[in-house]
PDB file of all heavy atoms in Angstrom:
ATOM      1  N   LEU A   1      20.349 -17.842  23.363  1.00  0.00           N
ATOM      2  CA  LEU A   1      19.414 -18.911  23.176  1.00  0.00           C
ATOM      3  C   LEU A   1      19.555 -20.027  24.166  1.00  0.00           C
ATOM      4  O   LEU A   1      18.717 -20.901  24.237  1.00  0.00           O
ATOM      5  CB  LEU A   1      19.477 -19.421  21.733  1.00  0.00           C
ATOM      6  CG  LEU A   1      18.882 -18.530  20.663  1.00  0.00           C
ATOM      7  CD1 LEU A   1      19.396 -18.968  19.289  1.00  0.00           C
ATOM      8  CD2 LEU A   1      17.326 -18.435  20.756  1.00  0.00           C
ATOM      9  N   LEU A   2      20.723 -20.092  24.873  1.00  0.00           N
ATOM     10  CA  LEU A   2      20.915 -21.122  25.901  1.00  0.00           C
ATOM     11  C   LEU A   2      20.122 -20.842  27.151  1.00  0.00           C
ATOM     12  O   LEU A   2      19.958 -21.737  28.037  1.00  0.00           O
ATOM     13  CB  LEU A   2      22.417 -21.241  26.241  1.00  0.00           C
ATOM     14  CG  LEU A   2      23.256 -21.799  25.086  1.00  0.00           C
ATOM     15  CD1 LEU A   2      24.766 -21.785  25.491  1.00  0.00           C
ATOM     16  CD2 LEU A   2      22.915 -23.229  24.776  1.00  0.00           C
ATOM     17  N   ARG A   3      19.520 -19.683  27.226  1.00  0.00           N
ATOM     18  CA  ARG A   3      18.594 -19.323  28.372  1.00  0.00           C
ATOM     19  C   ARG A   3      17.207 -19.780  28.066  1.00  0.00           C
ATOM     20  O   ARG A   3      16.585 -19.352  27.121  1.00  0.00           O
ATOM     21  CB  ARG A   3      18.639 -17.844  28.649  1.00  0.00           C
ATOM     22  CG  ARG A   3      19.890 -17.299  29.216  1.00  0.00           C
ATOM     23  CD  ARG A   3      20.020 -17.551  30.718  1.00  0.00           C
ATOM     24  NE  ARG A   3      18.995 -16.960  31.529  1.00  0.00           N
ATOM     25  CZ  ARG A   3      19.122 -16.348  32.677  1.00  0.00           C
ATOM     26  NH1 ARG A   3      20.400 -16.258  33.176  1.00  0.00           N
ATOM     27  NH2 ARG A   3      18.154 -15.881  33.364  1.00  0.00           N
ATOM     28  N   ASP A   4      16.708 -20.720  28.900  1.00  0.00           N
ATOM     29  CA  ASP A   4      15.356 -21.188  28.660  1.00  0.00           C
ATOM     30  C   ASP A   4      14.240 -20.110  28.907  1.00  0.00           C
ATOM     31  O   ASP A   4      13.114 -20.298  28.408  1.00  0.00           O
ATOM     32  CB  ASP A   4      15.072 -22.329  29.702  1.00  0.00           C
ATOM     33  CG  ASP A   4      15.947 -23.572  29.380  1.00  0.00           C
ATOM     34  OD1 ASP A   4      16.365 -23.740  28.192  1.00  0.00           O
ATOM     35  OD2 ASP A   4      16.122 -24.360  30.314  1.00  0.00           O
ATOM     36  N   ASP A   5      14.613 -19.015  29.619  1.00  0.00           N
ATOM     37  CA  ASP A   5      13.644 -17.944  29.882  1.00  0.00           C
ATOM     38  C   ASP A   5      13.693 -16.793  28.895  1.00  0.00           C
ATOM     39  O   ASP A   5      13.109 -15.754  29.064  1.00  0.00           O
ATOM     40  CB  ASP A   5      13.791 -17.421  31.315  1.00  0.00           C
ATOM     41  CG  ASP A   5      15.195 -16.891  31.588  1.00  0.00           C
ATOM     42  OD1 ASP A   5      16.074 -16.972  30.628  1.00  0.00           O
ATOM     43  OD2 ASP A   5      15.488 -16.385  32.711  1.00  0.00           O
ATOM     44  N   LEU A   6      14.407 -17.059  27.790  1.00  0.00           N
ATOM     45  CA  LEU A   6      14.578 -15.907  26.757  1.00  0.00           C
ATOM     46  C   LEU A   6      13.178 -15.371  26.359  1.00  0.00           C
ATOM     47  O   LEU A   6      13.033 -14.164  26.245  1.00  0.00           O
ATOM     48  CB  LEU A   6      15.346 -16.420  25.548  1.00  0.00           C
ATOM     49  CG  LEU A   6      15.604 -15.368  24.539  1.00  0.00           C
ATOM     50  CD1 LEU A   6      16.300 -14.141  25.056  1.00  0.00           C
ATOM     51  CD2 LEU A   6      16.381 -16.024  23.330  1.00  0.00           C
ATOM     52  N   GLU A   7      12.305 -16.257  26.057  1.00  0.00           N
ATOM     53  CA  GLU A   7      10.978 -15.843  25.614  1.00  0.00           C
ATOM     54  C   GLU A   7      10.246 -14.975  26.599  1.00  0.00           C
ATOM     55  O   GLU A   7       9.598 -13.996  26.297  1.00  0.00           O
ATOM     56  CB  GLU A   7      10.067 -17.001  25.221  1.00  0.00           C
ATOM     57  CG  GLU A   7      10.519 -17.762  23.956  1.00  0.00           C
ATOM     58  CD  GLU A   7      11.593 -18.835  24.230  1.00  0.00           C
ATOM     59  OE1 GLU A   7      12.229 -18.766  25.272  1.00  0.00           O
ATOM     60  OE2 GLU A   7      11.783 -19.693  23.366  1.00  0.00           O
ATOM     61  N   VAL A   8      10.378 -15.366  27.866  1.00  0.00           N
ATOM     62  CA  VAL A   8       9.763 -14.602  28.964  1.00  0.00           C
ATOM     63  C   VAL A   8      10.335 -13.168  29.010  1.00  0.00           C
ATOM     64  O   VAL A   8       9.680 -12.142  29.181  1.00  0.00           O
ATOM     65  CB  VAL A   8      10.020 -15.280  30.319  1.00  0.00           C
ATOM     66  CG1 VAL A   8       9.475 -14.440  31.507  1.00  0.00           C
ATOM     67  CG2 VAL A   8       9.315 -16.632  30.337  1.00  0.00           C
ATOM     68  N   LEU A   9      11.629 -13.067  28.855  1.00  0.00           N
ATOM     69  CA  LEU A   9      12.346 -11.757  28.990  1.00  0.00           C
ATOM     70  C   LEU A   9      11.978 -10.916  27.673  1.00  0.00           C
ATOM     71  O   LEU A   9      11.770  -9.718  27.860  1.00  0.00           O
ATOM     72  CB  LEU A   9      13.843 -11.974  29.014  1.00  0.00           C
ATOM     73  CG  LEU A   9      14.357 -12.809  30.307  1.00  0.00           C
ATOM     74  CD1 LEU A   9      15.859 -12.928  30.194  1.00  0.00           C
ATOM     75  CD2 LEU A   9      13.868 -12.136  31.506  1.00  0.00           C
ATOM     76  N   VAL A  10      11.944 -11.547  26.551  1.00  0.00           N
ATOM     77  CA  VAL A  10      11.576 -10.829  25.388  1.00  0.00           C
ATOM     78  C   VAL A  10      10.147 -10.298  25.491  1.00  0.00           C
ATOM     79  O   VAL A  10       9.866  -9.124  25.114  1.00  0.00           O
ATOM     80  CB  VAL A  10      11.688 -11.687  24.090  1.00  0.00           C
ATOM     81  CG1 VAL A  10      11.069 -11.047  22.861  1.00  0.00           C
ATOM     82  CG2 VAL A  10      13.116 -11.998  23.778  1.00  0.00           C
ATOM     83  N   ALA A  11       9.233 -11.110  25.949  1.00  0.00           N
ATOM     84  CA  ALA A  11       7.825 -10.689  26.110  1.00  0.00           C
ATOM     85  C   ALA A  11       7.693  -9.502  27.076  1.00  0.00           C
ATOM     86  O   ALA A  11       6.928  -8.558  26.786  1.00  0.00           O
ATOM     87  CB  ALA A  11       6.924 -11.880  26.546  1.00  0.00           C
ATOM     88  N   GLU A  12       8.458  -9.570  28.132  1.00  0.00           N
ATOM     89  CA  GLU A  12       8.415  -8.463  29.133  1.00  0.00           C
ATOM     90  C   GLU A  12       8.938  -7.185  28.546  1.00  0.00           C
ATOM     91  O   GLU A  12       8.412  -6.080  28.651  1.00  0.00           O
ATOM     92  CB  GLU A  12       9.150  -8.813  30.412  1.00  0.00           C
ATOM     93  CG  GLU A  12       9.196  -7.760  31.440  1.00  0.00           C
ATOM     94  CD  GLU A  12       7.837  -7.385  32.081  1.00  0.00           C
ATOM     95  OE1 GLU A  12       6.914  -8.172  31.870  1.00  0.00           O
ATOM     96  OE2 GLU A  12       7.784  -6.454  32.804  1.00  0.00           O
ATOM     97  N   ALA A  13      10.109  -7.280  27.813  1.00  0.00           N
ATOM     98  CA  ALA A  13      10.697  -6.160  27.164  1.00  0.00           C
ATOM     99  C   ALA A  13       9.740  -5.490  26.104  1.00  0.00           C
ATOM    100  O   ALA A  13       9.622  -4.328  26.052  1.00  0.00           O
ATOM    101  CB  ALA A  13      12.019  -6.552  26.461  1.00  0.00           C
ATOM    102  N   ARG A  14       9.148  -6.381  25.383  1.00  0.00           N
ATOM    103  CA  ARG A  14       8.141  -5.838  24.346  1.00  0.00           C
ATOM    104  C   ARG A  14       6.985  -5.194  24.995  1.00  0.00           C
ATOM    105  O   ARG A  14       6.537  -4.067  24.673  1.00  0.00           O
ATOM    106  CB  ARG A  14       7.675  -7.021  23.482  1.00  0.00           C
ATOM    107  CG  ARG A  14       6.674  -6.629  22.425  1.00  0.00           C
ATOM    108  CD  ARG A  14       7.161  -5.552  21.506  1.00  0.00           C
ATOM    109  NE  ARG A  14       6.221  -5.111  20.550  1.00  0.00           N
ATOM    110  CZ  ARG A  14       6.094  -5.561  19.309  1.00  0.00           C
ATOM    111  NH1 ARG A  14       6.830  -6.573  18.926  1.00  0.00           N
ATOM    112  NH2 ARG A  14       5.135  -5.125  18.511  1.00  0.00           N
ATOM    113  N   GLN A  15       6.424  -5.752  26.124  1.00  0.00           N
ATOM    114  CA  GLN A  15       5.331  -5.149  26.852  1.00  0.00           C
ATOM    115  C   GLN A  15       5.694  -3.804  27.385  1.00  0.00           C
ATOM    116  O   GLN A  15       4.941  -2.837  27.489  1.00  0.00           O
ATOM    117  CB  GLN A  15       4.861  -6.101  27.966  1.00  0.00           C
ATOM    118  CG  GLN A  15       3.573  -5.741  28.595  1.00  0.00           C
ATOM    119  CD  GLN A  15       3.836  -4.742  29.758  1.00  0.00           C
ATOM    120  OE1 GLN A  15       4.812  -4.816  30.466  1.00  0.00           O
ATOM    121  NE2 GLN A  15       2.942  -3.829  30.030  1.00  0.00           N
ATOM    122  N   LEU A  16       7.003  -3.672  27.849  1.00  0.00           N
ATOM    123  CA  LEU A  16       7.431  -2.433  28.489  1.00  0.00           C
ATOM    124  C   LEU A  16       7.688  -1.364  27.434  1.00  0.00           C
ATOM    125  O   LEU A  16       7.787  -0.135  27.761  1.00  0.00           O
ATOM    126  CB  LEU A  16       8.724  -2.692  29.202  1.00  0.00           C
ATOM    127  CG  LEU A  16       8.677  -3.432  30.482  1.00  0.00           C
ATOM    128  CD1 LEU A  16      10.070  -3.912  30.972  1.00  0.00           C
ATOM    129  CD2 LEU A  16       7.988  -2.664  31.583  1.00  0.00           C
ATOM    130  N   GLY A  17       7.757  -1.755  26.115  1.00  0.00           N
ATOM    131  CA  GLY A  17       7.897  -0.723  25.067  1.00  0.00           C
ATOM    132  C   GLY A  17       9.338  -0.690  24.423  1.00  0.00           C
ATOM    133  O   GLY A  17       9.624   0.271  23.700  1.00  0.00           O
ATOM    134  N   TYR A  18      10.207  -1.595  24.822  1.00  0.00           N
ATOM    135  CA  TYR A  18      11.521  -1.639  24.190  1.00  0.00           C
ATOM    136  C   TYR A  18      11.421  -2.111  22.719  1.00  0.00           C
ATOM    137  O   TYR A  18      10.539  -2.882  22.376  1.00  0.00           O
ATOM    138  CB  TYR A  18      12.454  -2.642  24.842  1.00  0.00           C
ATOM    139  CG  TYR A  18      13.023  -2.317  26.143  1.00  0.00           C
ATOM    140  CD1 TYR A  18      12.496  -2.855  27.403  1.00  0.00           C
ATOM    141  CD2 TYR A  18      14.142  -1.439  26.261  1.00  0.00           C
ATOM    142  CE1 TYR A  18      13.005  -2.559  28.619  1.00  0.00           C
ATOM    143  CE2 TYR A  18      14.693  -1.188  27.489  1.00  0.00           C
ATOM    144  CZ  TYR A  18      14.195  -1.716  28.662  1.00  0.00           C
ATOM    145  OH  TYR A  18      14.755  -1.473  29.896  1.00  0.00           O
ATOM    146  N   TYR A  19      12.381  -1.694  21.896  1.00  0.00           N
ATOM    147  CA  TYR A  19      12.707  -2.284  20.607  1.00  0.00           C
ATOM    148  C   TYR A  19      13.670  -3.394  20.961  1.00  0.00           C
ATOM    149  O   TYR A  19      14.742  -3.120  21.447  1.00  0.00           O
ATOM    150  CB  TYR A  19      13.206  -1.368  19.637  1.00  0.00           C
ATOM    151  CG  TYR A  19      13.450  -1.984  18.222  1.00  0.00           C
ATOM    152  CD1 TYR A  19      12.402  -2.079  17.274  1.00  0.00           C
ATOM    153  CD2 TYR A  19      14.676  -2.481  17.838  1.00  0.00           C
ATOM    154  CE1 TYR A  19      12.612  -2.655  16.055  1.00  0.00           C
ATOM    155  CE2 TYR A  19      14.886  -3.101  16.623  1.00  0.00           C
ATOM    156  CZ  TYR A  19      13.821  -3.185  15.708  1.00  0.00           C
ATOM    157  OH  TYR A  19      14.025  -3.771  14.478  1.00  0.00           O
ATOM    158  N   THR A  20      13.276  -4.624  20.635  1.00  0.00           N
ATOM    159  CA  THR A  20      14.095  -5.806  21.092  1.00  0.00           C
ATOM    160  C   THR A  20      14.900  -6.351  20.020  1.00  0.00           C
ATOM    161  O   THR A  20      14.425  -6.583  18.825  1.00  0.00           O
ATOM    162  CB  THR A  20      13.216  -6.890  21.701  1.00  0.00           C
ATOM    163  OG1 THR A  20      12.220  -7.232  20.664  1.00  0.00           O
ATOM    164  CG2 THR A  20      12.471  -6.392  23.007  1.00  0.00           C
ATOM    165  N   ASN A  21      16.161  -6.764  20.325  1.00  0.00           N
ATOM    166  CA  ASN A  21      17.124  -7.280  19.350  1.00  0.00           C
ATOM    167  C   ASN A  21      17.799  -8.492  19.958  1.00  0.00           C
ATOM    168  O   ASN A  21      18.361  -8.426  21.060  1.00  0.00           O
ATOM    169  CB  ASN A  21      18.112  -6.148  19.090  1.00  0.00           C
ATOM    170  CG  ASN A  21      19.198  -6.634  18.038  1.00  0.00           C
ATOM    171  OD1 ASN A  21      19.053  -7.556  17.337  1.00  0.00           O
ATOM    172  ND2 ASN A  21      20.318  -5.877  18.032  1.00  0.00           N
ATOM    173  N   LEU A  22      17.786  -9.611  19.226  1.00  0.00           N
ATOM    174  CA  LEU A  22      18.503 -10.801  19.676  1.00  0.00           C
ATOM    175  C   LEU A  22      19.834 -10.929  18.856  1.00  0.00           C
ATOM    176  O   LEU A  22      19.786 -10.930  17.621  1.00  0.00           O
ATOM    177  CB  LEU A  22      17.638 -12.019  19.382  1.00  0.00           C
ATOM    178  CG  LEU A  22      18.265 -13.388  19.703  1.00  0.00           C
ATOM    179  CD1 LEU A  22      18.575 -13.558  21.218  1.00  0.00           C
ATOM    180  CD2 LEU A  22      17.351 -14.568  19.259  1.00  0.00           C
ATOM    181  N   ILE A  23      20.928 -11.019  19.518  1.00  0.00           N
ATOM    182  CA  ILE A  23      22.282 -11.098  18.961  1.00  0.00           C
ATOM    183  C   ILE A  23      22.748 -12.561  19.094  1.00  0.00           C
ATOM    184  O   ILE A  23      23.008 -12.936  20.197  1.00  0.00           O
ATOM    185  CB  ILE A  23      23.232 -10.037  19.578  1.00  0.00           C
ATOM    186  CG1 ILE A  23      22.593  -8.676  19.453  1.00  0.00           C
ATOM    187  CG2 ILE A  23      24.595 -10.164  18.855  1.00  0.00           C
ATOM    188  CD1 ILE A  23      23.298  -7.631  20.328  1.00  0.00           C
ATOM    189  N   THR A  24      22.765 -13.258  18.072  1.00  0.00           N
ATOM    190  CA  THR A  24      22.921 -14.714  18.165  1.00  0.00           C
ATOM    191  C   THR A  24      23.838 -15.333  17.120  1.00  0.00           C
ATOM    192  O   THR A  24      23.980 -14.757  16.034  1.00  0.00           O
ATOM    193  CB  THR A  24      21.560 -15.350  18.081  1.00  0.00           C
ATOM    194  OG1 THR A  24      21.749 -16.824  18.184  1.00  0.00           O
ATOM    195  CG2 THR A  24      20.846 -15.051  16.774  1.00  0.00           C
ATOM    196  N   SER A  25      24.492 -16.469  17.485  1.00  0.00           N
ATOM    197  CA  SER A  25      25.211 -17.294  16.491  1.00  0.00           C
ATOM    198  C   SER A  25      24.297 -18.070  15.676  1.00  0.00           C
ATOM    199  O   SER A  25      24.668 -18.641  14.705  1.00  0.00           O
ATOM    200  CB  SER A  25      26.126 -18.211  17.295  1.00  0.00           C
ATOM    201  OG  SER A  25      25.390 -19.231  18.024  1.00  0.00           O
ATOM    202  N   GLY A  26      23.017 -18.204  16.121  1.00  0.00           N
ATOM    203  CA  GLY A  26      22.046 -18.984  15.435  1.00  0.00           C
ATOM    204  C   GLY A  26      21.940 -20.451  15.954  1.00  0.00           C
ATOM    205  O   GLY A  26      20.881 -21.125  15.705  1.00  0.00           O
TER     206      GLY A  26
END
């Protein structure tokens, strides 16, 4: 979550067809 571009990367992964998982401390 310290990466400001996380949403960009998640959106691209979803568009590509990955199942996406965020592993976080919260």
